[in-house]
Amino acid sequence: MRRILKWIGILLLVLLGAGIAAYVAMLYTVKQKLNTVYEIPHESIEFRSDTETIARGAYLYHIIGLCKECHGEDLSGSVYEGDFLTGDFTTPNLTGGKGGLAADMTDDDLARAIRHGIGKDGKTLVGMLSNYFYNFSDRDLAALIAYIRSVPAVDNELPPTKFGPMIYLYILQDPSALPAQVIDHTGKRPPAPEPGITVEYGRYLGLVCRSCHGENMAGGTQPGAGLNLTPGGDLGSWSEEDFLTTMSTGVTPSGRQLDPELMAWETLSKMTDEDLKAIWLYLQSLPPVQNPTPTPE
């Protein structure tokens, strides 16, 4: 009996040692990724601050880019408190107030942060959707920055992000968590479509939707995953009117109420009808993907 207990003790020590070694290796790998410095070629962007440009930037910030979902209505940022496993995640104050970024960053700095996911120190940002914002046209990028500059300063000094073990593991499993490492920083800029009720413009407007619904917009089967938006999935039997009604009310044709914590329909409902119709055309143009199982509630 003592021999069995002895071997069980040795096995537990071996497993504990292996777990500690794996955790240390994970920390080392992630720290290397976080401390990588990226050199980005200078981009000639025409920055403007006229009324029309600022209004476009406000539309992009509050609705199209879903920026306010993380940085807040007044751009002052916030802290998402977790636990030991997840840690606490801080979204920065973007204004020129105390603790804000705007006062200490040039327009070019802000452009690199939004488009390339890179901070002023040249290191990758965490959790920033730059892999989608990268596709924003120069004009829209400049409009977004013009709006950020126009917002009144808010004093909000926030603590730094503290990662828990699960976040380190998530960063290893999902490269897009560190956007700078998945963006082709020297690649050819994607073409910017003209605004209108077209498939091309709908695709442009729906870029950020992919962060939840997937690159093929087919969603997933895990709890909390986005719906399958292709013609072969949840929207297969919808009409354009059904889509517009759902986006404005949060209620699907079947009577299901969308959870605003998972689907920001309250924000997206403020899109213009023209833009929503363009997105609808884009979704209808996608290759049908059949749901292997019904999308979970």
Protein backbone atom coordinates (compact mmCIF):
# COMPACT_ATOMS: atom_id res chain seq x y z
CA MET A 1 0.00 0.00 0.00
CA ARG A 2 2.83 2.37 0.91
CA ARG A 3 4.54 1.62 -2.41
CA ILE A 4 1.33 2.48 -4.30
CA LEU A 5 0.96 5.75 -2.39
CA LYS A 6 4.59 6.53 -3.06
CA TRP A 7 4.18 6.05 -6.80
CA ILE A 8 0.98 8.11 -6.81
CA GLY A 9 2.88 10.89 -5.04
CA ILE A 10 5.70 10.72 -7.58
CA LEU A 11 3.21 10.79 -10.45
CA LEU A 12 1.46 13.84 -9.00
CA LEU A 13 4.79 15.63 -8.60
CA VAL A 14 5.71 14.81 -12.20
CA LEU A 15 2.36 16.10 -13.43
CA LEU A 16 2.70 19.24 -11.32
CA GLY A 17 6.19 19.84 -12.64
CA ALA A 18 5.05 19.32 -16.22
CA GLY A 19 2.16 21.74 -15.69
CA ILE A 20 4.44 24.40 -14.24
CA ALA A 21 6.92 23.93 -17.10
CA ALA A 22 4.13 24.25 -19.68
CA TYR A 23 2.79 27.39 -18.00
CA VAL A 24 6.25 28.99 -17.89
CA ALA A 25 6.79 28.12 -21.58
CA MET A 26 3.39 29.66 -22.42
CA LEU A 27 4.25 32.85 -20.54
CA TYR A 28 7.61 33.10 -22.27
CA THR A 29 6.10 32.62 -25.74
CA VAL A 30 3.32 35.16 -25.20
CA LYS A 31 5.69 37.71 -23.66
CA GLN A 32 7.88 37.44 -26.75
CA LYS A 33 4.87 38.12 -28.96
CA LEU A 34 3.78 41.06 -26.83
CA ASN A 35 7.26 42.61 -26.87
CA THR A 36 7.87 42.28 -30.61
CA VAL A 37 8.43 45.73 -32.16
CA TYR A 38 6.95 46.30 -35.63
CA GLU A 39 8.36 48.75 -38.16
CA ILE A 40 5.55 50.18 -40.28
CA PRO A 41 6.25 52.19 -43.45
CA HIS A 42 4.91 55.74 -43.32
CA GLU A 43 1.53 56.16 -45.02
CA SER A 44 0.53 59.45 -46.61
CA ILE A 45 -2.98 60.02 -45.29
CA GLU A 46 -4.77 63.32 -45.73
CA PHE A 47 -6.13 64.23 -42.30
CA ARG A 48 -9.09 66.62 -42.30
CA SER A 49 -11.30 68.11 -39.61
CA ASP A 50 -14.26 69.64 -41.44
CA THR A 51 -17.82 69.10 -40.22
CA GLU A 52 -18.68 66.45 -42.81
CA THR A 53 -15.55 64.45 -42.04
CA ILE A 54 -16.21 64.53 -38.28
CA ALA A 55 -19.82 63.44 -38.82
CA ARG A 56 -18.64 60.49 -40.90
CA GLY A 57 -16.15 59.62 -38.16
CA ALA A 58 -18.90 59.68 -35.53
CA TYR A 59 -20.98 57.28 -37.66
CA LEU A 60 -18.00 54.94 -38.00
CA TYR A 61 -17.16 55.08 -34.30
CA HIS A 62 -20.62 54.67 -32.84
CA ILE A 63 -22.18 52.33 -35.40
CA ILE A 64 -20.13 50.77 -38.20
CA GLY A 65 -16.94 50.04 -36.26
CA LEU A 66 -18.73 49.25 -32.98
CA CYS A 67 -15.93 51.15 -31.24
CA LYS A 68 -18.19 52.47 -28.50
CA GLU A 69 -18.96 48.92 -27.40
CA CYS A 70 -15.47 48.82 -25.90
CA HIS A 71 -14.30 52.43 -25.51
CA GLY A 72 -17.64 53.87 -24.39
CA GLU A 73 -20.04 56.52 -25.61
CA ASP A 74 -17.69 59.32 -24.51
CA LEU A 75 -14.50 57.47 -25.57
CA SER A 76 -13.23 57.40 -21.97
CA GLY A 77 -12.56 53.65 -21.88
CA SER A 78 -13.38 51.16 -19.15
CA VAL A 79 -12.15 48.19 -17.14
CA TYR A 80 -13.70 44.75 -17.64
CA GLU A 81 -13.11 43.01 -14.33
CA GLY A 82 -12.65 39.26 -14.42
CA ASP A 83 -11.23 36.75 -12.00
CA PHE A 84 -7.94 34.96 -11.34
CA LEU A 85 -8.22 32.95 -14.55
CA THR A 86 -9.09 35.80 -16.90
CA GLY A 87 -7.62 38.86 -15.20
CA ASP A 88 -8.81 42.42 -15.85
CA PHE A 89 -8.95 43.92 -19.35
CA THR A 90 -8.69 47.68 -19.85
CA THR A 91 -9.90 49.49 -22.96
CA PRO A 92 -8.06 52.81 -23.09
CA ASN A 93 -9.36 56.33 -22.77
CA LEU A 94 -9.11 57.76 -26.29
CA THR A 95 -9.72 61.41 -25.39
CA GLY A 96 -7.24 64.17 -24.61
CA GLY A 97 -8.05 64.17 -20.88
CA LYS A 98 -5.93 62.79 -18.02
CA GLY A 99 -5.17 59.16 -18.72
CA GLY A 100 -6.21 59.57 -22.36
CA LEU A 101 -4.22 58.69 -25.45
CA ALA A 102 -5.15 61.48 -27.86
CA ALA A 103 -3.02 64.15 -26.17
CA ASP A 104 0.12 62.04 -26.47
CA MET A 105 -0.42 60.60 -29.94
CA THR A 106 -0.10 62.19 -33.36
CA ASP A 107 -2.63 61.51 -36.12
CA ASP A 108 -0.13 59.06 -37.62
CA ASP A 109 0.16 57.28 -34.24
CA LEU A 110 -3.61 56.90 -34.08
CA ALA A 111 -3.72 55.69 -37.69
CA ARG A 112 -1.17 52.96 -36.93
CA ALA A 113 -3.09 51.92 -33.82
CA ILE A 114 -6.41 51.63 -35.69
CA ARG A 115 -5.18 50.24 -39.00
CA HIS A 116 -2.18 48.17 -37.89
CA GLY A 117 -2.95 47.35 -34.25
CA ILE A 118 0.32 48.88 -33.10
CA GLY A 119 0.84 51.21 -30.16
CA LYS A 120 3.11 54.24 -29.99
CA ASP A 121 5.91 51.97 -28.72
CA GLY A 122 5.69 49.85 -31.88
CA LYS A 123 4.30 46.83 -30.04
CA THR A 124 1.06 45.04 -30.79
CA LEU A 125 -2.17 46.05 -29.14
CA VAL A 126 -4.32 43.32 -27.59
CA GLY A 127 -7.91 42.60 -28.58
CA MET A 128 -8.07 45.49 -31.07
CA LEU A 129 -10.02 44.65 -34.25
CA SER A 130 -7.35 46.11 -36.50
CA ASN A 131 -7.36 43.02 -38.70
CA TYR A 132 -10.78 44.31 -39.83
CA PHE A 133 -10.16 48.05 -39.49
CA TYR A 134 -7.14 47.52 -41.77
CA ASN A 135 -9.60 47.49 -44.66
CA PHE A 136 -10.96 50.97 -43.87
CA SER A 137 -10.23 53.46 -46.63
CA ASP A 138 -7.81 56.32 -45.98
CA ARG A 139 -10.76 58.69 -46.01
CA ASP A 140 -12.71 56.73 -43.41
CA LEU A 141 -9.62 56.24 -41.26
CA ALA A 142 -9.00 60.00 -41.33
CA ALA A 143 -12.66 60.63 -40.49
CA LEU A 144 -12.49 58.34 -37.47
CA ILE A 145 -9.40 60.14 -36.19
CA ALA A 146 -11.01 63.54 -36.82
CA TYR A 147 -13.95 62.47 -34.69
CA ILE A 148 -11.71 61.22 -31.88
CA ARG A 149 -9.95 64.61 -31.89
CA SER A 150 -13.28 66.46 -31.76
CA VAL A 151 -14.66 64.72 -28.66
CA PRO A 152 -14.37 66.68 -25.37
CA ALA A 153 -11.55 65.56 -23.11
CA VAL A 154 -12.52 63.20 -20.29
CA ASP A 155 -10.26 62.66 -17.27
CA ASN A 156 -10.21 58.91 -16.68
CA GLU A 157 -6.95 57.34 -15.59
CA LEU A 158 -7.27 53.58 -15.93
CA PRO A 159 -5.13 50.72 -14.59
CA PRO A 160 -3.15 48.60 -17.03
CA THR A 161 -4.56 45.33 -18.32
CA LYS A 162 -3.74 42.32 -16.16
CA PHE A 163 -3.75 38.97 -17.93
CA GLY A 164 -4.89 35.79 -16.25
CA PRO A 165 -3.76 32.30 -17.34
CA MET A 166 -6.76 31.80 -19.63
CA ILE A 167 -5.98 34.97 -21.57
CA TYR A 168 -2.40 33.84 -22.19
CA LEU A 169 -3.79 30.55 -23.46
CA TYR A 170 -6.33 32.37 -25.64
CA ILE A 171 -3.59 34.51 -27.18
CA LEU A 172 -1.68 31.37 -28.11
CA GLN A 173 -4.74 29.75 -29.66
CA ASP A 174 -6.09 32.78 -31.54
CA PRO A 175 -3.39 34.77 -33.40
CA SER A 176 -5.87 37.59 -34.16
CA ALA A 177 -5.92 38.44 -30.43
CA LEU A 178 -2.66 40.23 -31.25
CA PRO A 179 -3.70 41.93 -34.50
CA ALA A 180 -0.24 43.14 -35.49
CA GLN A 181 0.93 39.58 -36.05
CA VAL A 182 -1.82 38.68 -38.54
CA ILE A 183 -1.83 41.85 -40.68
CA ASP A 184 0.22 42.17 -43.86
CA HIS A 185 1.59 45.60 -42.96
CA THR A 186 3.30 46.12 -46.29
CA GLY A 187 0.54 44.63 -48.43
CA LYS A 188 -1.37 46.49 -51.11
CA ARG A 189 -4.21 48.56 -49.68
CA PRO A 190 -7.62 47.01 -50.45
CA PRO A 191 -9.77 49.11 -52.77
CA ALA A 192 -12.37 51.37 -51.15
CA PRO A 193 -15.80 50.93 -52.77
CA GLU A 194 -18.05 53.88 -53.44
CA PRO A 195 -20.93 54.19 -50.95
CA GLY A 196 -24.17 52.81 -52.34
CA ILE A 197 -26.58 49.89 -52.18
CA THR A 198 -24.13 47.43 -53.69
CA VAL A 199 -22.61 44.08 -52.75
CA GLU A 200 -19.13 45.64 -52.67
CA TYR A 201 -20.11 48.38 -50.24
CA GLY A 202 -22.08 45.92 -48.12
CA ARG A 203 -18.98 43.74 -47.83
CA TYR A 204 -17.00 46.80 -46.74
CA LEU A 205 -19.55 47.76 -44.10
CA GLY A 206 -19.78 44.20 -42.80
CA LEU A 207 -16.08 43.67 -42.19
CA VAL A 208 -16.32 43.97 -38.41
CA CYS A 209 -19.23 41.50 -38.37
CA ARG A 210 -16.71 38.77 -39.17
CA SER A 211 -15.21 39.09 -35.69
CA CYS A 212 -18.26 37.20 -34.36
CA HIS A 213 -19.79 35.54 -37.42
CA GLY A 214 -16.51 34.23 -38.85
CA GLU A 215 -14.59 34.90 -42.03
CA ASN A 216 -17.24 33.11 -44.10
CA MET A 217 -20.06 34.72 -42.06
CA ALA A 218 -21.39 31.24 -41.24
CA GLY A 219 -21.19 31.66 -37.47
CA GLY A 220 -20.55 28.65 -35.27
CA THR A 221 -22.21 26.01 -33.14
CA GLN A 222 -20.66 26.87 -29.78
CA PRO A 223 -22.78 28.82 -27.26
CA GLY A 224 -22.62 32.54 -27.90
CA ALA A 225 -21.46 32.15 -31.51
CA GLY A 226 -22.82 34.45 -34.18
CA LEU A 227 -25.65 33.29 -36.41
CA ASN A 228 -25.01 31.75 -39.79
CA LEU A 229 -25.68 34.75 -42.03
CA THR A 230 -25.19 32.96 -45.35
CA PRO A 231 -28.16 31.94 -47.53
CA GLY A 232 -27.70 28.37 -46.29
CA GLY A 233 -28.16 29.23 -42.63
CA ASP A 234 -30.33 31.16 -40.24
CA LEU A 235 -31.16 33.91 -42.77
CA GLY A 236 -31.95 31.51 -45.60
CA SER A 237 -35.71 32.07 -45.45
CA TRP A 238 -35.58 35.79 -44.62
CA SER A 239 -36.56 38.62 -46.93
CA GLU A 240 -34.91 42.01 -47.05
CA GLU A 241 -37.81 43.39 -45.02
CA ASP A 242 -37.29 40.66 -42.40
CA PHE A 243 -33.63 41.65 -42.14
CA LEU A 244 -34.37 45.37 -41.79
CA THR A 245 -37.06 44.70 -39.17
CA THR A 246 -34.78 42.42 -37.16
CA MET A 247 -31.98 44.96 -37.22
CA SER A 248 -34.30 47.73 -36.02
CA THR A 249 -36.20 45.77 -33.34
CA GLY A 250 -33.89 42.93 -32.32
CA VAL A 251 -36.71 40.43 -32.94
CA THR A 252 -36.28 37.76 -35.63
CA PRO A 253 -39.13 36.64 -37.94
CA SER A 254 -39.60 33.60 -35.68
CA GLY A 255 -40.13 35.87 -32.67
CA ARG A 256 -36.74 35.28 -31.08
CA GLN A 257 -35.34 38.27 -29.16
CA LEU A 258 -31.65 38.84 -29.88
CA ASP A 259 -29.46 39.28 -26.82
CA PRO A 260 -27.93 42.80 -27.04
CA GLU A 261 -24.94 41.57 -25.02
CA LEU A 262 -24.09 39.15 -27.82
CA MET A 263 -25.48 40.98 -30.84
CA ALA A 264 -25.21 44.78 -30.79
CA TRP A 265 -28.47 45.26 -32.68
CA GLU A 266 -29.35 48.36 -30.63
CA THR A 267 -26.24 50.05 -32.04
CA LEU A 268 -26.59 48.67 -35.56
CA SER A 269 -30.25 49.70 -35.69
CA LYS A 270 -29.00 53.27 -36.10
CA MET A 271 -27.46 52.48 -39.48
CA THR A 272 -29.08 54.10 -42.49
CA ASP A 273 -31.52 51.97 -44.50
CA GLU A 274 -29.22 52.31 -47.49
CA ASP A 275 -26.29 50.81 -45.58
CA LEU A 276 -28.41 48.00 -44.16
CA LYS A 277 -29.70 47.19 -47.64
CA ALA A 278 -26.12 47.06 -48.92
CA ILE A 279 -25.19 44.61 -46.16
CA TRP A 280 -28.24 42.52 -47.02
CA LEU A 281 -27.14 42.33 -50.64
CA TYR A 282 -23.67 41.25 -49.51
CA LEU A 283 -25.06 38.52 -47.24
CA GLN A 284 -27.25 37.23 -50.07
CA SER A 285 -24.20 37.02 -52.33
CA LEU A 286 -22.29 34.71 -49.98
CA PRO A 287 -21.84 31.01 -50.77
CA PRO A 288 -24.46 29.05 -48.78
CA VAL A 289 -23.09 27.24 -45.74
CA GLN A 290 -25.37 24.66 -44.16
CA ASN A 291 -25.61 24.59 -40.37
CA PRO A 292 -24.40 21.18 -39.12
CA THR A 293 -26.73 21.72 -36.14
CA PRO A 294 -29.13 24.54 -35.32
CA THR A 295 -27.43 27.63 -33.96
CA PRO A 296 -27.62 27.39 -30.15
CA GLU A 297 -29.53 29.90 -28.08
